[in-house]
Protein backbone atom coordinates (compact mmCIF):
# COMPACT_ATOMS: atom_id res chain seq x y z
CA MET A 1 -71.47 16.97 53.02
CA ALA A 2 -67.40 15.66 53.37
CA LYS A 3 -64.67 17.82 53.26
CA PRO A 4 -61.51 18.31 50.99
CA ILE A 5 -58.52 17.50 51.67
CA LEU A 6 -55.55 18.17 49.36
CA THR A 7 -52.20 16.58 50.38
CA VAL A 8 -48.82 16.68 49.08
CA LEU A 9 -45.16 15.37 50.28
CA LEU A 10 -43.06 18.15 49.61
CA LYS A 11 -38.60 17.07 50.50
CA GLY A 12 -36.11 19.91 51.58
CA PRO A 13 -36.19 21.94 54.55
CA PHE A 14 -39.27 23.30 55.71
CA PRO A 15 -37.85 26.83 55.43
CA ASP A 16 -37.32 26.08 51.41
CA VAL A 17 -40.62 24.24 50.76
CA PHE A 18 -42.72 26.63 52.91
CA ARG A 19 -41.83 29.64 50.54
CA PHE A 20 -42.57 26.46 48.03
CA VAL A 21 -46.12 26.62 49.27
CA GLU A 22 -46.07 30.57 49.28
CA ALA A 23 -44.54 30.60 45.42
CA LEU A 24 -47.79 28.41 44.67
CA LEU A 25 -50.18 30.06 45.71
CA GLN A 26 -49.66 33.63 45.08
CA PRO A 27 -50.24 33.47 41.29
CA LEU A 28 -54.07 32.03 42.65
CA GLY A 29 -54.02 34.59 44.86
CA PHE A 30 -53.34 33.93 48.21
CA VAL A 31 -51.21 35.45 50.70
CA LEU A 32 -50.33 35.00 53.95
CA ALA A 33 -51.54 38.56 55.63
CA ASN A 34 -54.81 38.65 55.52
CA PRO A 35 -55.47 42.28 53.14
CA GLU A 36 -57.16 44.73 55.40
CA SER A 37 -55.47 43.17 58.89
CA GLY A 38 -51.90 42.61 57.78
CA ARG A 39 -52.30 39.71 60.18
CA VAL A 40 -50.26 36.83 60.03
CA THR A 41 -52.49 34.03 61.52
CA HIS A 42 -53.02 30.45 62.33
CA TRP A 43 -55.70 28.04 64.90
CA SER A 44 -54.10 26.81 68.48
CA ASP A 45 -55.10 23.20 69.10
CA ASP A 46 -58.02 24.82 71.86
CA GLY A 47 -58.76 25.98 67.77
CA GLU A 48 -57.99 30.16 68.55
CA GLN A 49 -56.87 31.98 65.72
CA ILE A 50 -53.59 33.89 66.92
CA ALA A 51 -52.00 36.75 64.97
CA ILE A 52 -47.81 35.28 64.95
CA PRO A 53 -45.14 37.08 63.13
CA ARG A 54 -43.71 35.84 59.61
CA ASP A 55 -40.57 34.83 61.24
CA ARG A 56 -42.60 32.29 63.80
CA ILE A 57 -43.79 29.85 61.25
CA ILE A 58 -40.02 28.98 59.72
CA ASN A 59 -38.78 29.15 63.37
CA GLU A 60 -41.41 26.91 64.98
CA ALA A 61 -42.01 24.65 62.65
CA SER A 62 -40.32 21.84 63.88
CA SER A 63 -41.20 21.74 67.03
CA ALA A 64 -44.38 21.85 66.05
CA THR A 65 -45.85 24.66 68.10
CA VAL A 66 -46.73 26.03 64.33
CA LYS A 67 -48.28 23.34 63.01
CA ASN A 68 -50.68 25.51 60.14
CA VAL A 69 -50.95 29.41 58.72
CA GLN A 70 -53.83 30.66 57.08
CA PHE A 71 -53.13 32.02 52.97
CA TRP A 72 -55.35 34.86 52.00
CA SER A 73 -57.40 36.03 49.71
CA THR A 74 -59.48 38.36 50.76
CA SER A 75 -60.83 39.94 54.26
CA ASN A 76 -63.04 36.83 54.62
CA GLU A 77 -61.51 34.59 52.73
CA ASP A 78 -58.93 32.68 53.61
CA LEU A 79 -56.96 28.93 52.33
CA PHE A 80 -56.10 26.15 56.04
CA VAL A 81 -53.09 25.06 55.70
CA SER A 82 -51.39 22.27 57.76
CA TRP A 83 -48.31 19.67 57.93
CA VAL A 84 -46.54 17.48 59.73
CA ASP A 85 -43.12 16.84 59.98
CA ALA A 86 -42.55 12.97 57.20
CA SER A 87 -38.58 13.24 57.19
CA PRO A 88 -36.46 14.20 55.09
CA GLY A 89 -39.62 16.37 54.14
CA TRP A 90 -43.66 17.53 55.08
CA TRP A 91 -46.90 16.60 54.50
CA PHE A 92 -48.47 19.56 52.96
CA SER A 93 -52.43 19.37 53.46
CA PHE A 94 -54.51 22.55 52.23
CA HIS A 95 -58.01 22.17 53.53
CA LEU A 96 -60.05 23.05 50.38
CA ASP A 97 -63.83 22.85 51.96
CA GLY A 98 -65.44 26.83 51.21
CA VAL A 99 -63.21 27.30 48.48
CA THR A 100 -64.44 28.42 45.18
CA PRO A 101 -64.79 25.31 42.59
CA GLU A 102 -62.25 26.81 40.02
CA LEU A 103 -59.40 27.44 42.39
CA LYS A 104 -59.33 23.77 43.80
CA VAL A 105 -59.03 22.99 40.31
CA ALA A 106 -56.65 25.40 39.51
CA LEU A 107 -54.83 24.46 43.30
CA THR A 108 -54.74 20.57 42.15
CA THR A 109 -53.54 21.53 38.38
CA ALA A 110 -50.72 23.63 40.05
CA LEU A 111 -49.63 21.10 42.49
CA SER A 112 -49.79 17.74 40.87
CA ASN A 113 -47.86 19.96 37.42
CA SER A 114 -44.90 20.61 40.75
CA VAL A 115 -45.35 16.46 41.43
CA LEU A 116 -45.16 15.64 37.67
CA ILE A 117 -42.98 17.23 35.87
CA ASP A 118 -40.81 20.09 38.38
CA LEU A 119 -40.06 17.80 41.86
CA LYS A 120 -40.64 13.83 40.33
CA LEU A 121 -37.40 13.01 41.42
CA GLN A 122 -37.40 13.59 44.19
CA TYR A 123 -39.48 10.45 44.13
CA GLU A 124 -39.94 7.08 44.87
CA ASP A 125 -41.74 4.05 46.07
CA GLU A 126 -44.49 6.60 48.22
CA CYS A 127 -46.86 8.33 47.70
CA ALA A 128 -46.05 12.09 46.26
CA ILE A 129 -50.39 13.28 46.33
CA ARG A 130 -53.18 12.56 47.02
CA ILE A 131 -57.07 13.70 48.04
CA ASP A 132 -59.42 12.47 51.96
CA PHE A 133 -62.84 13.38 52.41
CA ASP A 134 -62.35 14.01 56.10
């Protein structure tokens, strides 16, 4: 079965757009640190889960050393979020496999509202949001 990936273009410096993503996910019940372990984690290119300090995400995003992170709702339920540089912004991808249908709809709604209402002036002739199946 194909895995849905919700992708949105967020313009601005990485620290600002990352904070935007964090603030968007928090009301949906997702936080950066695993609620049980307190660890912030990302996945290496080799498929290894690695704990990292929170500030390293912000500091190393532009060098592409850290390209993803997990947001957690419980110690066993996470949302994988990755990004790529799209100067003057960033493409953020929310990997929706393994999350509930309700969360898929809530996240899509939250991002659509942000793009269509709050962020609409930053977009011109370009794609701002899409859903791909991998």
